[in-house]
Amino acid sequence: MHDYIIRTMTRQDLDRAIAWAAAEGWNPGLQDAASFYAADPDGFLMGWLGEEPIAAISAVKYGASFGFLGFYIVKPEYRGQGYGIKIWNAALDALKGRTIGLDGVVAQQANYQKSGFTLAYRNIRYQGTASRESIENPGNVPAEIVPLSTIEFEQVYQYDRPFFPDDRRNFLQSWINQSDSYAIGIVQAGQLAGYGVVRPCQSGYKIGPLFADRPDFAEQVFTALQIQVPEGATIFLDVPEPNGAAVELAQRHNLTISFETARMYLGETPNLPIDRLFGVTTFELG
């Protein structure tokens, strides 16, 4: 292991890590890499054994107080040999002094707990088939669906801010402008009352984030997003389990559970508005 070196990924290395994530079945978005790199260009580590890259992890810093771990992968033929724990510890060192979040596979919860992480809640991945059905506004409250690009970015940023533990301005600006994606907002009385993004992935399309002030607004945004993808295509929505209205939305659209993660934190658990969080942005970066 004396030839094992951990160093910051280049932009090209990040493409390699995303390809590894695809091979693991994590189904990353086709254009995710640019947004991930925009969040924190120094926030991705790769482990090299001589000239061969064999391990990856992200340790992305947001603002001054928060970090998020993801992309924790060791190539299958090198697992169980200590390379993973070395890059894991390097990531924890990089985020020392911050609250750290992660979305880990449930089977690894016990290992994360050994590092001090505690379970906050489960995130459930629902999947189903895009349809053209139209759902009216159940609350009968005037609200308008508009392309998010017609809203000043500062207003979008201010709306997004409570949903994340610290500043993610650079990431957000890139995320909502991904090529081949579709981002919309719902406006009530001239103010943004929710927004969502749908993007193409290795398989199907993911909706995320999906934030809204009310369940009926979330319903309208979800419906408007899914009709932007080919009818019959597979769609995914990652839902925080404590938001019962979000679970009901997924079930109402005949989505079924395909995967789940353990949202865990090291340090104080952030106080996020879960009742307005209907779809997680991304398991990789929070």
C-alpha atoms as a PDB file:
ATOM      1  CA  MET A   1       0.000   0.000   0.000  1.00  0.00           C
ATOM      2  CA  HIS A   2       3.052   2.271   0.062  1.00  0.00           C
ATOM      3  CA  ASP A   3       2.334   3.164  -3.584  1.00  0.00           C
ATOM      4  CA  TYR A   4      -1.200   4.334  -2.710  1.00  0.00           C
ATOM      5  CA  ILE A   5      -1.584   8.120  -3.128  1.00  0.00           C
ATOM      6  CA  ILE A   6      -4.694  10.240  -2.580  1.00  0.00           C
ATOM      7  CA  ARG A   7      -4.970  13.471  -4.493  1.00  0.00           C
ATOM      8  CA  THR A   8      -7.566  15.993  -5.625  1.00  0.00           C
ATOM      9  CA  MET A   9      -9.431  14.975  -8.760  1.00  0.00           C
ATOM     10  CA  THR A  10      -9.098  16.882 -11.984  1.00  0.00           C
ATOM     11  CA  ARG A  11     -12.231  17.603 -13.971  1.00  0.00           C
ATOM     12  CA  GLN A  12     -11.394  14.571 -16.133  1.00  0.00           C
ATOM     13  CA  ASP A  13     -10.988  12.409 -13.011  1.00  0.00           C
ATOM     14  CA  LEU A  14     -14.510  13.403 -11.970  1.00  0.00           C
ATOM     15  CA  ASP A  15     -15.835  12.062 -15.265  1.00  0.00           C
ATOM     16  CA  ARG A  16     -14.136   8.783 -14.420  1.00  0.00           C
ATOM     17  CA  ALA A  17     -15.706   8.715 -10.947  1.00  0.00           C
ATOM     18  CA  ILE A  18     -19.143   9.340 -12.435  1.00  0.00           C
ATOM     19  CA  ALA A  19     -18.582   6.436 -14.821  1.00  0.00           C
ATOM     20  CA  TRP A  20     -17.776   4.268 -11.801  1.00  0.00           C
ATOM     21  CA  ALA A  21     -20.994   5.442 -10.144  1.00  0.00           C
ATOM     22  CA  ALA A  22     -22.914   4.461 -13.275  1.00  0.00           C
ATOM     23  CA  ALA A  23     -21.309   1.011 -13.175  1.00  0.00           C
ATOM     24  CA  GLU A  24     -22.455   0.673  -9.546  1.00  0.00           C
ATOM     25  CA  GLY A  25     -26.036   1.298 -10.696  1.00  0.00           C
ATOM     26  CA  TRP A  26     -26.336   4.732  -9.069  1.00  0.00           C
ATOM     27  CA  ASN A  27     -27.702   6.214 -12.303  1.00  0.00           C
ATOM     28  CA  PRO A  28     -26.044   9.662 -12.343  1.00  0.00           C
ATOM     29  CA  GLY A  29     -27.314  12.445 -14.575  1.00  0.00           C
ATOM     30  CA  LEU A  30     -25.733  12.788 -17.988  1.00  0.00           C
ATOM     31  CA  GLN A  31     -24.648  16.373 -17.333  1.00  0.00           C
ATOM     32  CA  ASP A  32     -24.047  16.216 -13.568  1.00  0.00           C
ATOM     33  CA  ALA A  33     -20.265  16.512 -13.634  1.00  0.00           C
ATOM     34  CA  ALA A  34     -20.134  20.210 -14.505  1.00  0.00           C
ATOM     35  CA  SER A  35     -22.515  21.117 -11.674  1.00  0.00           C
ATOM     36  CA  PHE A  36     -20.693  18.929  -9.171  1.00  0.00           C
ATOM     37  CA  TYR A  37     -17.369  20.505 -10.076  1.00  0.00           C
ATOM     38  CA  ALA A  38     -18.864  23.985  -9.853  1.00  0.00           C
ATOM     39  CA  ALA A  39     -19.891  23.279  -6.250  1.00  0.00           C
ATOM     40  CA  ASP A  40     -16.284  22.818  -5.105  1.00  0.00           C
ATOM     41  CA  PRO A  41     -13.465  22.082  -7.580  1.00  0.00           C
ATOM     42  CA  ASP A  42     -11.258  20.910  -4.705  1.00  0.00           C
ATOM     43  CA  GLY A  43     -13.943  18.696  -3.192  1.00  0.00           C
ATOM     44  CA  PHE A  44     -13.246  15.407  -4.987  1.00  0.00           C
ATOM     45  CA  LEU A  45     -10.526  12.932  -4.048  1.00  0.00           C
ATOM     46  CA  MET A  46      -9.156   9.971  -5.993  1.00  0.00           C
ATOM     47  CA  GLY A  47      -6.903   7.204  -4.708  1.00  0.00           C
ATOM     48  CA  TRP A  48      -4.165   6.005  -7.017  1.00  0.00           C
ATOM     49  CA  LEU A  49      -2.188   2.770  -6.781  1.00  0.00           C
ATOM     50  CA  GLY A  50       0.839   3.644  -8.847  1.00  0.00           C
ATOM     51  CA  GLU A  51      -0.613   4.920 -12.130  1.00  0.00           C
ATOM     52  CA  GLU A  52      -4.002   3.257 -11.646  1.00  0.00           C
ATOM     53  CA  PRO A  53      -6.981   5.099 -10.136  1.00  0.00           C
ATOM     54  CA  ILE A  54      -8.748   2.699  -7.783  1.00  0.00           C
ATOM     55  CA  ALA A  55     -10.873   4.748  -5.325  1.00  0.00           C
ATOM     56  CA  ALA A  56     -12.958   7.896  -5.204  1.00  0.00           C
ATOM     57  CA  ILE A  57     -14.885  10.031  -2.731  1.00  0.00           C
ATOM     58  CA  SER A  58     -16.324  13.537  -2.661  1.00  0.00           C
ATOM     59  CA  ALA A  59     -15.849  15.890   0.275  1.00  0.00           C
ATOM     60  CA  VAL A  60     -17.597  18.984  -0.992  1.00  0.00           C
ATOM     61  CA  LYS A  61     -17.530  22.158   1.089  1.00  0.00           C
ATOM     62  CA  TYR A  62     -20.542  24.463   1.207  1.00  0.00           C
ATOM     63  CA  GLY A  63     -20.115  27.873   2.788  1.00  0.00           C
ATOM     64  CA  ALA A  64     -18.178  27.900   6.042  1.00  0.00           C
ATOM     65  CA  SER A  65     -20.043  25.278   8.041  1.00  0.00           C
ATOM     66  CA  PHE A  66     -21.231  22.301   5.959  1.00  0.00           C
ATOM     67  CA  GLY A  67     -19.798  19.506   3.854  1.00  0.00           C
ATOM     68  CA  PHE A  68     -21.220  16.505   2.053  1.00  0.00           C
ATOM     69  CA  LEU A  69     -19.682  13.102   1.367  1.00  0.00           C
ATOM     70  CA  GLY A  70     -20.527  11.086  -1.724  1.00  0.00           C
ATOM     71  CA  PHE A  71     -19.042   9.064  -4.574  1.00  0.00           C
ATOM     72  CA  TYR A  72     -17.481   6.677  -2.061  1.00  0.00           C
ATOM     73  CA  ILE A  73     -16.308   3.941  -4.426  1.00  0.00           C
ATOM     74  CA  VAL A  74     -13.438   1.474  -4.503  1.00  0.00           C
ATOM     75  CA  LYS A  75     -12.989  -0.561  -7.670  1.00  0.00           C
ATOM     76  CA  PRO A  76     -14.321  -4.068  -6.933  1.00  0.00           C
ATOM     77  CA  GLU A  77     -10.992  -5.882  -7.286  1.00  0.00           C
ATOM     78  CA  TYR A  78      -9.399  -3.631  -4.642  1.00  0.00           C
ATOM     79  CA  ARG A  79     -12.081  -3.802  -1.964  1.00  0.00           C
ATOM     80  CA  GLY A  80     -11.359  -5.177   1.488  1.00  0.00           C
ATOM     81  CA  GLN A  81      -7.693  -4.174   1.357  1.00  0.00           C
ATOM     82  CA  GLY A  82      -7.805  -0.921   3.327  1.00  0.00           C
ATOM     83  CA  TYR A  83      -7.839   1.514   0.416  1.00  0.00           C
ATOM     84  CA  GLY A  84     -11.405   2.593   1.091  1.00  0.00           C
ATOM     85  CA  ILE A  85     -10.904   3.529   4.736  1.00  0.00           C
ATOM     86  CA  LYS A  86      -7.823   5.584   3.842  1.00  0.00           C
ATOM     87  CA  ILE A  87      -9.686   7.745   1.344  1.00  0.00           C
ATOM     88  CA  TRP A  88     -12.684   7.908   3.727  1.00  0.00           C
ATOM     89  CA  ASN A  89     -10.446   9.284   6.480  1.00  0.00           C
ATOM     90  CA  ALA A  90      -8.883  11.758   4.036  1.00  0.00           C
ATOM     91  CA  ALA A  91     -12.370  13.042   3.199  1.00  0.00           C
ATOM     92  CA  LEU A  92     -13.276  13.418   6.878  1.00  0.00           C
ATOM     93  CA  ASP A  93     -10.032  15.322   7.469  1.00  0.00           C
ATOM     94  CA  ALA A  94     -10.829  17.641   4.567  1.00  0.00           C
ATOM     95  CA  LEU A  95     -14.185  18.511   6.164  1.00  0.00           C
ATOM     96  CA  LYS A  96     -12.992  18.681   9.763  1.00  0.00           C
ATOM     97  CA  GLY A  97     -14.828  21.294  11.832  1.00  0.00           C
ATOM     98  CA  ARG A  98     -17.952  21.216   9.658  1.00  0.00           C
ATOM     99  CA  THR A  99     -21.266  19.452   9.976  1.00  0.00           C
ATOM    100  CA  ILE A 100     -21.062  16.632   7.428  1.00  0.00           C
ATOM    101  CA  GLY A 101     -23.937  14.957   5.628  1.00  0.00           C
ATOM    102  CA  LEU A 102     -24.180  11.861   3.475  1.00  0.00           C
ATOM    103  CA  ASP A 103     -26.708   9.625   1.782  1.00  0.00           C
ATOM    104  CA  GLY A 104     -25.373   6.140   2.378  1.00  0.00           C
ATOM    105  CA  VAL A 105     -26.690   2.738   1.470  1.00  0.00           C
ATOM    106  CA  VAL A 106     -28.594   1.330   4.410  1.00  0.00           C
ATOM    107  CA  ALA A 107     -26.262  -1.669   4.721  1.00  0.00           C
ATOM    108  CA  GLN A 108     -23.380   0.675   5.577  1.00  0.00           C
ATOM    109  CA  GLN A 109     -25.160   2.575   8.361  1.00  0.00           C
ATOM    110  CA  ALA A 110     -23.283   0.716  11.091  1.00  0.00           C
ATOM    111  CA  ASN A 111     -19.928   1.577   9.525  1.00  0.00           C
ATOM    112  CA  TYR A 112     -20.849   5.262   9.249  1.00  0.00           C
ATOM    113  CA  GLN A 113     -21.964   5.236  12.873  1.00  0.00           C
ATOM    114  CA  LYS A 114     -18.467   4.102  13.844  1.00  0.00           C
ATOM    115  CA  SER A 115     -17.247   7.418  12.444  1.00  0.00           C
ATOM    116  CA  GLY A 116     -19.797   9.318  14.525  1.00  0.00           C
ATOM    117  CA  PHE A 117     -22.624   9.729  12.013  1.00  0.00           C
ATOM    118  CA  THR A 118     -26.219   9.510  13.228  1.00  0.00           C
ATOM    119  CA  LEU A 119     -29.330   8.677  11.221  1.00  0.00           C
ATOM    120  CA  ALA A 120     -31.649  11.608  10.491  1.00  0.00           C
ATOM    121  CA  TYR A 121     -34.176   9.865   8.218  1.00  0.00           C
ATOM    122  CA  ARG A 122     -34.439   7.693   5.148  1.00  0.00           C
ATOM    123  CA  ASN A 123     -34.598   8.989   1.603  1.00  0.00           C
ATOM    124  CA  ILE A 124     -36.701   6.752  -0.621  1.00  0.00           C
ATOM    125  CA  ARG A 125     -36.196   6.521  -4.382  1.00  0.00           C
ATOM    126  CA  TYR A 126     -39.479   6.075  -6.202  1.00  0.00           C
ATOM    127  CA  GLN A 127     -39.637   5.194  -9.862  1.00  0.00           C
ATOM    128  CA  GLY A 128     -42.417   4.927 -12.403  1.00  0.00           C
ATOM    129  CA  THR A 129     -43.497   5.851 -15.886  1.00  0.00           C
ATOM    130  CA  ALA A 130     -44.031   9.355 -17.218  1.00  0.00           C
ATOM    131  CA  SER A 131     -47.602  10.042 -18.303  1.00  0.00           C
ATOM    132  CA  ARG A 132     -49.513  12.918 -19.834  1.00  0.00           C
ATOM    133  CA  GLU A 133     -52.219  13.044 -17.207  1.00  0.00           C
ATOM    134  CA  SER A 134     -53.208  16.511 -16.032  1.00  0.00           C
ATOM    135  CA  ILE A 135     -53.862  17.221 -12.381  1.00  0.00           C
ATOM    136  CA  GLU A 136     -55.705  20.389 -11.461  1.00  0.00           C
ATOM    137  CA  ASN A 137     -54.696  22.589  -8.560  1.00  0.00           C
ATOM    138  CA  PRO A 138     -56.532  20.873  -5.666  1.00  0.00           C
ATOM    139  CA  GLY A 139     -56.441  24.035  -3.578  1.00  0.00           C
ATOM    140  CA  ASN A 140     -57.988  26.125  -6.351  1.00  0.00           C
ATOM    141  CA  VAL A 141     -55.490  28.891  -5.623  1.00  0.00           C
ATOM    142  CA  PRO A 142     -54.227  30.933  -8.576  1.00  0.00           C
ATOM    143  CA  ALA A 143     -50.670  29.901  -9.321  1.00  0.00           C
ATOM    144  CA  GLU A 144     -48.621  30.021 -12.507  1.00  0.00           C
ATOM    145  CA  ILE A 145     -46.037  27.566 -13.803  1.00  0.00           C
ATOM    146  CA  VAL A 146     -43.167  29.364 -15.556  1.00  0.00           C
ATOM    147  CA  PRO A 147     -39.719  28.442 -16.876  1.00  0.00           C
ATOM    148  CA  LEU A 148     -37.269  29.018 -14.045  1.00  0.00           C
ATOM    149  CA  SER A 149     -35.093  30.998 -16.446  1.00  0.00           C
ATOM    150  CA  THR A 150     -37.732  33.763 -16.444  1.00  0.00           C
ATOM    151  CA  ILE A 151     -37.153  34.345 -12.728  1.00  0.00           C
ATOM    152  CA  GLU A 152     -34.148  36.306 -11.496  1.00  0.00           C
ATOM    153  CA  PHE A 153     -31.527  33.926 -10.162  1.00  0.00           C
ATOM    154  CA  GLU A 154     -31.282  35.810  -6.871  1.00  0.00           C
ATOM    155  CA  GLN A 155     -34.942  35.046  -6.165  1.00  0.00           C
ATOM    156  CA  VAL A 156     -34.382  31.362  -6.953  1.00  0.00           C
ATOM    157  CA  TYR A 157     -31.308  31.325  -4.713  1.00  0.00           C
ATOM    158  CA  GLN A 158     -33.164  32.954  -1.819  1.00  0.00           C
ATOM    159  CA  TYR A 159     -36.002  30.453  -2.183  1.00  0.00           C
ATOM    160  CA  ASP A 160     -33.573  27.522  -2.257  1.00  0.00           C
ATOM    161  CA  ARG A 161     -31.476  28.689   0.688  1.00  0.00           C
ATOM    162  CA  PRO A 162     -33.610  27.287   3.586  1.00  0.00           C
ATOM    163  CA  PHE A 163     -33.555  23.817   2.007  1.00  0.00           C
ATOM    164  CA  PHE A 164     -29.798  23.404   2.374  1.00  0.00           C
ATOM    165  CA  PRO A 165     -27.557  23.773   5.441  1.00  0.00           C
ATOM    166  CA  ASP A 166     -25.181  26.320   3.885  1.00  0.00           C
ATOM    167  CA  ASP A 167     -24.511  28.335   0.748  1.00  0.00           C
ATOM    168  CA  ARG A 168     -24.665  26.376  -2.533  1.00  0.00           C
ATOM    169  CA  ARG A 169     -24.980  29.303  -4.920  1.00  0.00           C
ATOM    170  CA  ASN A 170     -22.397  28.118  -7.463  1.00  0.00           C
ATOM    171  CA  PHE A 171     -23.817  24.618  -7.583  1.00  0.00           C
ATOM    172  CA  LEU A 172     -27.389  25.859  -7.904  1.00  0.00           C
ATOM    173  CA  GLN A 173     -26.640  28.247 -10.732  1.00  0.00           C
ATOM    174  CA  SER A 174     -25.093  25.411 -12.727  1.00  0.00           C
ATOM    175  CA  TRP A 175     -27.701  22.791 -11.746  1.00  0.00           C
ATOM    176  CA  ILE A 176     -30.780  24.700 -12.890  1.00  0.00           C
ATOM    177  CA  ASN A 177     -29.084  25.483 -16.211  1.00  0.00           C
ATOM    178  CA  GLN A 178     -27.932  21.974 -17.146  1.00  0.00           C
ATOM    179  CA  SER A 179     -28.192  21.270 -20.851  1.00  0.00           C
ATOM    180  CA  ASP A 180     -31.083  18.966 -21.818  1.00  0.00           C
ATOM    181  CA  SER A 181     -32.746  19.551 -18.439  1.00  0.00           C
ATOM    182  CA  TYR A 182     -35.975  21.421 -17.729  1.00  0.00           C
ATOM    183  CA  ALA A 183     -36.398  23.729 -14.721  1.00  0.00           C
ATOM    184  CA  ILE A 184     -39.679  25.360 -13.742  1.00  0.00           C
ATOM    185  CA  GLY A 185     -41.061  27.478 -10.938  1.00  0.00           C
ATOM    186  CA  ILE A 186     -44.525  27.995  -9.561  1.00  0.00           C
ATOM    187  CA  VAL A 187     -45.401  31.611  -8.839  1.00  0.00           C
ATOM    188  CA  GLN A 188     -48.145  32.871  -6.531  1.00  0.00           C
ATOM    189  CA  ALA A 189     -48.851  36.582  -6.044  1.00  0.00           C
ATOM    190  CA  GLY A 190     -45.616  37.418  -7.841  1.00  0.00           C
ATOM    191  CA  GLN A 191     -43.449  35.289  -5.551  1.00  0.00           C
ATOM    192  CA  LEU A 192     -41.747  31.975  -6.145  1.00  0.00           C
ATOM    193  CA  ALA A 193     -43.683  29.289  -4.237  1.00  0.00           C
ATOM    194  CA  GLY A 194     -41.804  26.239  -5.444  1.00  0.00           C
ATOM    195  CA  TYR A 195     -39.525  24.924  -8.158  1.00  0.00           C
ATOM    196  CA  GLY A 196     -38.230  21.723  -9.671  1.00  0.00           C
ATOM    197  CA  VAL A 197     -35.779  20.310 -12.186  1.00  0.00           C
ATOM    198  CA  VAL A 198     -35.926  17.188 -14.374  1.00  0.00           C
ATOM    199  CA  ARG A 199     -32.778  15.919 -16.059  1.00  0.00           C
ATOM    200  CA  PRO A 200     -31.761  12.955 -18.222  1.00  0.00           C
ATOM    201  CA  CYS A 201     -29.778  10.211 -16.507  1.00  0.00           C
ATOM    202  CA  GLN A 202     -27.979   7.050 -17.546  1.00  0.00           C
ATOM    203  CA  SER A 203     -31.399   5.453 -17.290  1.00  0.00           C
ATOM    204  CA  GLY A 204     -34.567   7.531 -17.529  1.00  0.00           C
ATOM    205  CA  TYR A 205     -35.049  10.939 -15.936  1.00  0.00           C
ATOM    206  CA  LYS A 206     -34.687  12.194 -12.379  1.00  0.00           C
ATOM    207  CA  ILE A 207     -36.774  14.936 -10.821  1.00  0.00           C
ATOM    208  CA  GLY A 208     -34.794  16.840  -8.221  1.00  0.00           C
ATOM    209  CA  PRO A 209     -35.008  19.059  -6.468  1.00  0.00           C
ATOM    210  CA  LEU A 210     -38.733  19.405  -5.970  1.00  0.00           C
ATOM    211  CA  PHE A 211     -39.430  22.111  -3.387  1.00  0.00           C
ATOM    212  CA  ALA A 212     -42.826  23.694  -2.797  1.00  0.00           C
ATOM    213  CA  ASP A 213     -44.678  25.693  -0.172  1.00  0.00           C
ATOM    214  CA  ARG A 214     -47.714  23.400  -0.332  1.00  0.00           C
ATOM    215  CA  PRO A 215     -48.513  19.854  -1.469  1.00  0.00           C
ATOM    216  CA  ASP A 216     -50.799  21.070  -4.257  1.00  0.00           C
ATOM    217  CA  PHE A 217     -48.006  23.274  -5.614  1.00  0.00           C
ATOM    218  CA  ALA A 218     -45.617  20.304  -5.506  1.00  0.00           C
ATOM    219  CA  GLU A 219     -48.226  18.309  -7.452  1.00  0.00           C
ATOM    220  CA  GLN A 220     -48.415  20.956 -10.147  1.00  0.00           C
ATOM    221  CA  VAL A 221     -44.644  21.228 -10.498  1.00  0.00           C
ATOM    222  CA  PHE A 222     -44.241  17.442 -10.600  1.00  0.00           C
ATOM    223  CA  THR A 223     -46.903  17.125 -13.292  1.00  0.00           C
ATOM    224  CA  ALA A 224     -45.424  19.928 -15.363  1.00  0.00           C
ATOM    225  CA  LEU A 225     -41.978  18.337 -15.165  1.00  0.00           C
ATOM    226  CA  GLN A 226     -43.002  14.825 -16.105  1.00  0.00           C
ATOM    227  CA  ILE A 227     -44.804  15.928 -19.245  1.00  0.00           C
ATOM    228  CA  GLN A 228     -41.500  17.357 -20.483  1.00  0.00           C
ATOM    229  CA  VAL A 229     -39.999  13.876 -20.860  1.00  0.00           C
ATOM    230  CA  PRO A 230     -41.026  11.271 -23.438  1.00  0.00           C
ATOM    231  CA  GLU A 231     -44.263   9.527 -22.522  1.00  0.00           C
ATOM    232  CA  GLY A 232     -43.513   6.093 -21.143  1.00  0.00           C
ATOM    233  CA  ALA A 233     -39.971   7.021 -20.047  1.00  0.00           C
ATOM    234  CA  THR A 234     -38.845   5.985 -16.578  1.00  0.00           C
ATOM    235  CA  ILE A 235     -38.875   8.786 -14.019  1.00  0.00           C
ATOM    236  CA  PHE A 236     -37.362   8.876 -10.537  1.00  0.00           C
ATOM    237  CA  LEU A 237     -38.164  10.978  -7.480  1.00  0.00           C
ATOM    238  CA  ASP A 238     -36.083  10.792  -4.283  1.00  0.00           C
ATOM    239  CA  VAL A 239     -38.366  11.531  -1.349  1.00  0.00           C
ATOM    240  CA  PRO A 240     -37.514  12.213   2.314  1.00  0.00           C
ATOM    241  CA  GLU A 241     -39.598   9.613   4.126  1.00  0.00           C
ATOM    242  CA  PRO A 242     -40.782  11.945   6.942  1.00  0.00           C
ATOM    243  CA  ASN A 243     -42.648  14.081   4.382  1.00  0.00           C
ATOM    244  CA  GLY A 244     -45.893  12.122   4.220  1.00  0.00           C
ATOM    245  CA  ALA A 245     -47.342  14.392   1.531  1.00  0.00           C
ATOM    246  CA  ALA A 246     -44.325  13.675  -0.693  1.00  0.00           C
ATOM    247  CA  VAL A 247     -44.761   9.930  -0.206  1.00  0.00           C
ATOM    248  CA  GLU A 248     -48.444  10.286  -1.100  1.00  0.00           C
ATOM    249  CA  LEU A 249     -47.551  12.279  -4.223  1.00  0.00           C
ATOM    250  CA  ALA A 250     -45.234   9.497  -5.404  1.00  0.00           C
ATOM    251  CA  GLN A 251     -47.818   6.815  -4.696  1.00  0.00           C
ATOM    252  CA  ARG A 252     -50.593   8.802  -6.372  1.00  0.00           C
ATOM    253  CA  HIS A 253     -48.541   8.821  -9.562  1.00  0.00           C
ATOM    254  CA  ASN A 254     -48.031   5.049  -9.341  1.00  0.00           C
ATOM    255  CA  LEU A 255     -44.344   5.311  -8.473  1.00  0.00           C
ATOM    256  CA  THR A 256     -42.892   2.388  -6.556  1.00  0.00           C
ATOM    257  CA  ILE A 257     -39.891   2.079  -4.237  1.00  0.00           C
ATOM    258  CA  SER A 258     -36.687   1.046  -6.013  1.00  0.00           C
ATOM    259  CA  PHE A 259     -33.927   2.128  -3.617  1.00  0.00           C
ATOM    260  CA  GLU A 260     -33.330   3.896  -0.336  1.00  0.00           C
ATOM    261  CA  THR A 261     -30.536   5.697   1.469  1.00  0.00           C
ATOM    262  CA  ALA A 262     -29.780   6.650   5.032  1.00  0.00           C
ATOM    263  CA  ARG A 263     -29.451  10.439   5.389  1.00  0.00           C
ATOM    264  CA  MET A 264     -26.906  10.772   8.161  1.00  0.00           C
ATOM    265  CA  TYR A 265     -25.000  13.635   9.756  1.00  0.00           C
ATOM    266  CA  LEU A 266     -21.800  14.053  11.719  1.00  0.00           C
ATOM    267  CA  GLY A 267     -22.354  17.006  14.012  1.00  0.00           C
ATOM    268  CA  GLU A 268     -25.600  18.832  14.591  1.00  0.00           C
ATOM    269  CA  THR A 269     -28.479  17.686  12.382  1.00  0.00           C
ATOM    270  CA  PRO A 270     -29.576  20.631  10.197  1.00  0.00           C
ATOM    271  CA  ASN A 271     -33.128  21.903  10.687  1.00  0.00           C
ATOM    272  CA  LEU A 272     -34.462  21.658   7.138  1.00  0.00           C
ATOM    273  CA  PRO A 273     -38.096  22.330   6.125  1.00  0.00           C
ATOM    274  CA  ILE A 274     -38.830  18.668   5.360  1.00  0.00           C
ATOM    275  CA  ASP A 275     -42.555  19.378   4.977  1.00  0.00           C
ATOM    276  CA  ARG A 276     -41.735  21.503   1.902  1.00  0.00           C
ATOM    277  CA  LEU A 277     -39.003  19.210   0.568  1.00  0.00           C
ATOM    278  CA  PHE A 278     -40.738  16.863  -1.875  1.00  0.00           C
ATOM    279  CA  GLY A 279     -37.682  15.745  -3.854  1.00  0.00           C
ATOM    280  CA  VAL A 280     -33.978  15.586  -2.955  1.00  0.00           C
ATOM    281  CA  THR A 281     -31.624  17.365  -5.339  1.00  0.00           C
ATOM    282  CA  THR A 282     -29.055  14.568  -5.600  1.00  0.00           C
ATOM    283  CA  PHE A 283     -27.826  11.763  -3.357  1.00  0.00           C
ATOM    284  CA  GLU A 284     -24.246  12.513  -4.391  1.00  0.00           C
ATOM    285  CA  LEU A 285     -24.060  16.150  -3.241  1.00  0.00           C
ATOM    286  CA  GLY A 286     -27.059  16.636  -0.986  1.00  0.00           C
END
